[in-house]
Amino acid sequence: MNPFDSLLLVGRQDMEQIKKGQQEILLRLERLETGSAQHTNAISPYLTALEFMKAVRIRRWKFNQLIIRGKIRIIKKRRKIYVPRGEVERYFKEVNE
């Protein structure tokens, strides 16, 4: 199959409209990319239980023991457990004492 089997003529005005449309698409994509980058840069004041455990390198059993003993503060939202970010630093300060 020869790539030159068909030829398509496009008028100058039509070509300009196509270019404008493509430029508009590119602008919108750039806005989406910068918008999503701004959302990912926003840091939540809370960590999930799993994120906390990874940060302090403990397992679930130790995490539960810390909660029971009141060594870390948590916030329960439905079935999810959140830990304020400051608890990571506080955990390490208390361990060293």
N, C-alpha and C. Protein backbone atom coordinates (compact mmCIF):
# COMPACT_ATOMS: atom_id res chain seq x y z
N MET A 1 0.84 -1.17 0.00
CA MET A 1 0.00 0.00 0.00
C MET A 1 0.89 1.24 0.00
N ASN A 2 0.69 2.07 -0.93
CA ASN A 2 1.48 3.28 -1.10
C ASN A 2 0.88 4.41 -0.25
N PRO A 3 1.72 5.13 0.54
CA PRO A 3 1.17 6.21 1.38
C PRO A 3 0.63 7.38 0.58
N PHE A 4 0.96 7.45 -0.69
CA PHE A 4 0.50 8.56 -1.51
C PHE A 4 -0.69 8.20 -2.37
N ASP A 5 -1.43 7.15 -2.00
CA ASP A 5 -2.60 6.74 -2.78
C ASP A 5 -3.69 7.79 -2.78
N SER A 6 -3.82 8.50 -1.67
CA SER A 6 -4.85 9.52 -1.62
C SER A 6 -4.23 10.86 -1.23
N LEU A 7 -4.80 11.87 -1.74
CA LEU A 7 -4.32 13.21 -1.49
C LEU A 7 -5.48 14.03 -0.98
N LEU A 8 -5.23 14.80 0.04
CA LEU A 8 -6.28 15.60 0.64
C LEU A 8 -5.87 17.06 0.59
N LEU A 9 -6.71 17.86 0.01
CA LEU A 9 -6.44 19.29 -0.04
C LEU A 9 -7.24 19.97 1.05
N VAL A 10 -6.54 20.81 1.81
CA VAL A 10 -7.18 21.54 2.91
C VAL A 10 -6.97 23.01 2.65
N GLY A 11 -8.05 23.74 2.77
CA GLY A 11 -7.96 25.19 2.55
C GLY A 11 -7.18 25.87 3.66
N ARG A 12 -6.68 27.08 3.36
CA ARG A 12 -5.87 27.83 4.32
C ARG A 12 -6.66 28.14 5.59
N GLN A 13 -7.91 28.55 5.46
CA GLN A 13 -8.73 28.86 6.63
C GLN A 13 -8.98 27.62 7.48
N ASP A 14 -9.24 26.51 6.82
CA ASP A 14 -9.46 25.26 7.56
C ASP A 14 -8.19 24.85 8.30
N MET A 15 -7.04 25.03 7.64
CA MET A 15 -5.78 24.67 8.28
C MET A 15 -5.52 25.55 9.50
N GLU A 16 -5.85 26.82 9.42
CA GLU A 16 -5.69 27.73 10.55
C GLU A 16 -6.60 27.32 11.71
N GLN A 17 -7.82 26.91 11.41
CA GLN A 17 -8.74 26.45 12.45
C GLN A 17 -8.20 25.19 13.13
N ILE A 18 -7.63 24.30 12.34
CA ILE A 18 -7.04 23.07 12.90
C ILE A 18 -5.90 23.44 13.84
N LYS A 19 -5.04 24.36 13.41
CA LYS A 19 -3.91 24.79 14.25
C LYS A 19 -4.39 25.42 15.54
N LYS A 20 -5.39 26.29 15.45
CA LYS A 20 -5.93 26.94 16.64
C LYS A 20 -6.51 25.91 17.61
N GLY A 21 -7.20 24.94 17.06
CA GLY A 21 -7.78 23.87 17.90
C GLY A 21 -6.71 23.08 18.61
N GLN A 22 -5.63 22.77 17.89
CA GLN A 22 -4.54 22.02 18.52
C GLN A 22 -3.84 22.85 19.59
N GLN A 23 -3.67 24.14 19.35
CA GLN A 23 -3.06 25.00 20.35
C GLN A 23 -3.92 25.09 21.61
N GLU A 24 -5.23 25.16 21.41
CA GLU A 24 -6.15 25.20 22.55
C GLU A 24 -6.07 23.90 23.36
N ILE A 25 -5.98 22.79 22.67
CA ILE A 25 -5.84 21.49 23.35
C ILE A 25 -4.55 21.46 24.16
N LEU A 26 -3.45 21.92 23.57
CA LEU A 26 -2.18 21.94 24.28
C LEU A 26 -2.23 22.85 25.52
N LEU A 27 -2.85 24.00 25.40
CA LEU A 27 -2.98 24.91 26.54
C LEU A 27 -3.77 24.27 27.67
N ARG A 28 -4.86 23.60 27.32
CA ARG A 28 -5.68 22.95 28.34
C ARG A 28 -4.92 21.81 29.02
N LEU A 29 -4.15 21.06 28.24
CA LEU A 29 -3.34 19.99 28.82
C LEU A 29 -2.29 20.55 29.78
N GLU A 30 -1.68 21.65 29.41
CA GLU A 30 -0.69 22.28 30.29
C GLU A 30 -1.34 22.74 31.59
N ARG A 31 -2.54 23.31 31.49
CA ARG A 31 -3.25 23.74 32.70
C ARG A 31 -3.57 22.55 33.60
N LEU A 32 -3.97 21.45 32.99
CA LEU A 32 -4.26 20.25 33.77
C LEU A 32 -3.01 19.76 34.49
N GLU A 33 -1.88 19.74 33.78
CA GLU A 33 -0.63 19.27 34.37
C GLU A 33 -0.21 20.16 35.52
N THR A 34 -0.27 21.47 35.35
CA THR A 34 0.14 22.36 36.44
C THR A 34 -0.86 22.31 37.58
N GLY A 35 -2.13 22.12 37.27
CA GLY A 35 -3.14 22.00 38.32
C GLY A 35 -2.94 20.76 39.15
N SER A 36 -2.63 19.63 38.52
CA SER A 36 -2.41 18.40 39.27
C SER A 36 -1.11 18.47 40.04
N ALA A 37 -0.11 19.18 39.51
CA ALA A 37 1.15 19.34 40.24
C ALA A 37 0.92 20.16 41.51
N GLN A 38 0.05 21.15 41.44
CA GLN A 38 -0.24 21.96 42.61
C GLN A 38 -0.95 21.12 43.67
N HIS A 39 -1.83 20.22 43.24
CA HIS A 39 -2.55 19.38 44.20
C HIS A 39 -1.62 18.38 44.87
N THR A 40 -0.64 17.85 44.12
CA THR A 40 0.26 16.88 44.71
C THR A 40 1.26 17.54 45.64
N ASN A 41 1.52 18.84 45.45
CA ASN A 41 2.45 19.54 46.32
C ASN A 41 1.82 19.88 47.67
N ALA A 42 0.51 19.87 47.75
CA ALA A 42 -0.17 20.18 49.00
C ALA A 42 0.05 19.01 49.96
N ILE A 43 0.58 19.31 51.14
CA ILE A 43 0.89 18.26 52.10
C ILE A 43 -0.23 18.21 53.13
N SER A 44 -0.77 17.02 53.31
CA SER A 44 -1.82 16.83 54.29
C SER A 44 -1.24 16.87 55.70
N PRO A 45 -1.96 17.43 56.65
CA PRO A 45 -1.45 17.45 58.03
C PRO A 45 -1.56 16.09 58.72
N TYR A 46 -2.12 15.11 58.03
CA TYR A 46 -2.32 13.79 58.62
C TYR A 46 -1.69 12.70 57.77
N LEU A 47 -1.25 11.66 58.42
CA LEU A 47 -0.74 10.46 57.76
C LEU A 47 -1.73 9.33 57.99
N THR A 48 -1.80 8.43 57.06
CA THR A 48 -2.58 7.22 57.32
C THR A 48 -1.79 6.35 58.28
N ALA A 49 -2.43 5.36 58.85
CA ALA A 49 -1.73 4.46 59.77
C ALA A 49 -0.55 3.80 59.07
N LEU A 50 -0.76 3.37 57.84
CA LEU A 50 0.30 2.70 57.08
C LEU A 50 1.48 3.64 56.82
N GLU A 51 1.18 4.89 56.47
CA GLU A 51 2.25 5.86 56.23
C GLU A 51 3.05 6.11 57.51
N PHE A 52 2.36 6.19 58.64
CA PHE A 52 3.04 6.38 59.92
C PHE A 52 3.94 5.19 60.23
N MET A 53 3.41 3.98 60.03
CA MET A 53 4.19 2.78 60.32
C MET A 53 5.43 2.70 59.43
N LYS A 54 5.29 3.10 58.18
CA LYS A 54 6.45 3.11 57.29
C LYS A 54 7.46 4.16 57.72
N ALA A 55 6.98 5.33 58.15
CA ALA A 55 7.86 6.42 58.54
C ALA A 55 8.70 6.07 59.76
N VAL A 56 8.10 5.37 60.72
CA VAL A 56 8.84 5.03 61.94
C VAL A 56 9.32 3.58 61.94
N ARG A 57 9.04 2.89 60.85
CA ARG A 57 9.50 1.50 60.63
C ARG A 57 9.07 0.55 61.74
N ILE A 58 7.75 0.49 61.91
CA ILE A 58 7.18 -0.46 62.86
C ILE A 58 6.09 -1.27 62.14
N ARG A 59 5.66 -2.34 62.79
CA ARG A 59 4.59 -3.17 62.25
C ARG A 59 3.27 -2.83 62.94
N ARG A 60 2.21 -3.46 62.49
CA ARG A 60 0.88 -3.17 63.00
C ARG A 60 0.75 -3.46 64.49
N TRP A 61 1.35 -4.56 64.98
CA TRP A 61 1.25 -4.91 66.40
C TRP A 61 1.81 -3.78 67.26
N LYS A 62 3.00 -3.28 66.91
CA LYS A 62 3.63 -2.20 67.68
C LYS A 62 2.79 -0.93 67.57
N PHE A 63 2.24 -0.66 66.40
CA PHE A 63 1.37 0.50 66.21
C PHE A 63 0.18 0.43 67.16
N ASN A 64 -0.46 -0.73 67.21
CA ASN A 64 -1.61 -0.91 68.11
C ASN A 64 -1.20 -0.73 69.58
N GLN A 65 -0.01 -1.23 69.95
CA GLN A 65 0.47 -1.07 71.32
C GLN A 65 0.70 0.40 71.66
N LEU A 66 1.23 1.16 70.72
CA LEU A 66 1.45 2.59 70.95
C LEU A 66 0.12 3.32 71.17
N ILE A 67 -0.90 2.91 70.44
CA ILE A 67 -2.22 3.52 70.60
C ILE A 67 -2.80 3.17 71.97
N ILE A 68 -2.72 1.90 72.33
CA ILE A 68 -3.26 1.43 73.61
C ILE A 68 -2.58 2.14 74.78
N ARG A 69 -1.27 2.32 74.70
CA ARG A 69 -0.50 2.95 75.78
C ARG A 69 -0.57 4.48 75.74
N GLY A 70 -1.22 5.02 74.73
CA GLY A 70 -1.36 6.47 74.62
C GLY A 70 -0.08 7.18 74.19
N LYS A 71 0.80 6.47 73.53
CA LYS A 71 2.08 7.06 73.10
C LYS A 71 1.92 7.90 71.84
N ILE A 72 0.90 7.62 71.05
CA ILE A 72 0.63 8.42 69.85
C ILE A 72 -0.85 8.77 69.81
N ARG A 73 -1.11 9.95 69.26
CA ARG A 73 -2.51 10.38 69.10
C ARG A 73 -3.00 9.94 67.74
N ILE A 74 -4.24 9.55 67.68
CA ILE A 74 -4.84 9.15 66.40
C ILE A 74 -6.18 9.84 66.23
N ILE A 75 -6.63 9.83 65.00
CA ILE A 75 -7.96 10.34 64.68
C ILE A 75 -8.64 9.25 63.86
N LYS A 76 -9.81 8.80 64.32
CA LYS A 76 -10.56 7.79 63.57
C LYS A 76 -11.64 8.47 62.77
N LYS A 77 -11.68 8.18 61.52
CA LYS A 77 -12.71 8.70 60.61
C LYS A 77 -13.31 7.48 59.93
N ARG A 78 -14.51 7.12 60.37
CA ARG A 78 -15.16 5.87 59.96
C ARG A 78 -14.23 4.71 60.28
N ARG A 79 -13.78 3.98 59.27
CA ARG A 79 -12.92 2.84 59.54
C ARG A 79 -11.43 3.15 59.31
N LYS A 80 -11.14 4.39 58.98
CA LYS A 80 -9.76 4.80 58.69
C LYS A 80 -9.13 5.41 59.93
N ILE A 81 -7.83 5.17 60.12
CA ILE A 81 -7.08 5.75 61.23
C ILE A 81 -6.06 6.71 60.65
N TYR A 82 -6.05 7.93 61.18
CA TYR A 82 -5.10 8.95 60.76
C TYR A 82 -4.25 9.36 61.96
N VAL A 83 -3.01 9.74 61.67
CA VAL A 83 -2.08 10.18 62.70
C VAL A 83 -1.59 11.56 62.31
N PRO A 84 -1.65 12.54 63.21
CA PRO A 84 -1.10 13.86 62.88
C PRO A 84 0.39 13.75 62.56
N ARG A 85 0.86 14.52 61.58
CA ARG A 85 2.26 14.45 61.16
C ARG A 85 3.25 14.66 62.30
N GLY A 86 2.92 15.52 63.22
CA GLY A 86 3.82 15.81 64.34
C GLY A 86 4.10 14.61 65.23
N GLU A 87 3.27 13.60 65.14
CA GLU A 87 3.44 12.40 65.98
C GLU A 87 4.69 11.62 65.60
N VAL A 88 5.13 11.72 64.36
CA VAL A 88 6.35 11.01 63.95
C VAL A 88 7.53 11.57 64.75
N GLU A 89 7.66 12.88 64.77
CA GLU A 89 8.75 13.51 65.51
C GLU A 89 8.62 13.24 67.01
N ARG A 90 7.41 13.34 67.51
CA ARG A 90 7.18 13.08 68.94
C ARG A 90 7.51 11.64 69.30
N TYR A 91 7.21 10.71 68.42
CA TYR A 91 7.51 9.29 68.65
C TYR A 91 9.01 9.10 68.84
N PHE A 92 9.80 9.72 67.97
CA PHE A 92 11.25 9.56 68.06
C PHE A 92 11.83 10.26 69.29
N LYS A 93 11.24 11.38 69.71
CA LYS A 93 11.71 12.06 70.90
C LYS A 93 11.44 11.21 72.14
N GLU A 94 10.27 10.59 72.21
CA GLU A 94 9.92 9.76 73.39
C GLU A 94 10.72 8.48 73.44
N VAL A 95 11.07 7.93 72.29
CA VAL A 95 11.84 6.69 72.26
C VAL A 95 13.23 6.95 72.82
N ASN A 96 13.80 8.11 72.53
CA ASN A 96 15.15 8.43 73.00
C ASN A 96 15.19 8.78 74.48
N GLU A 97 14.09 9.10 75.10
CA GLU A 97 14.09 9.48 76.52
C GLU A 97 14.09 8.28 77.42
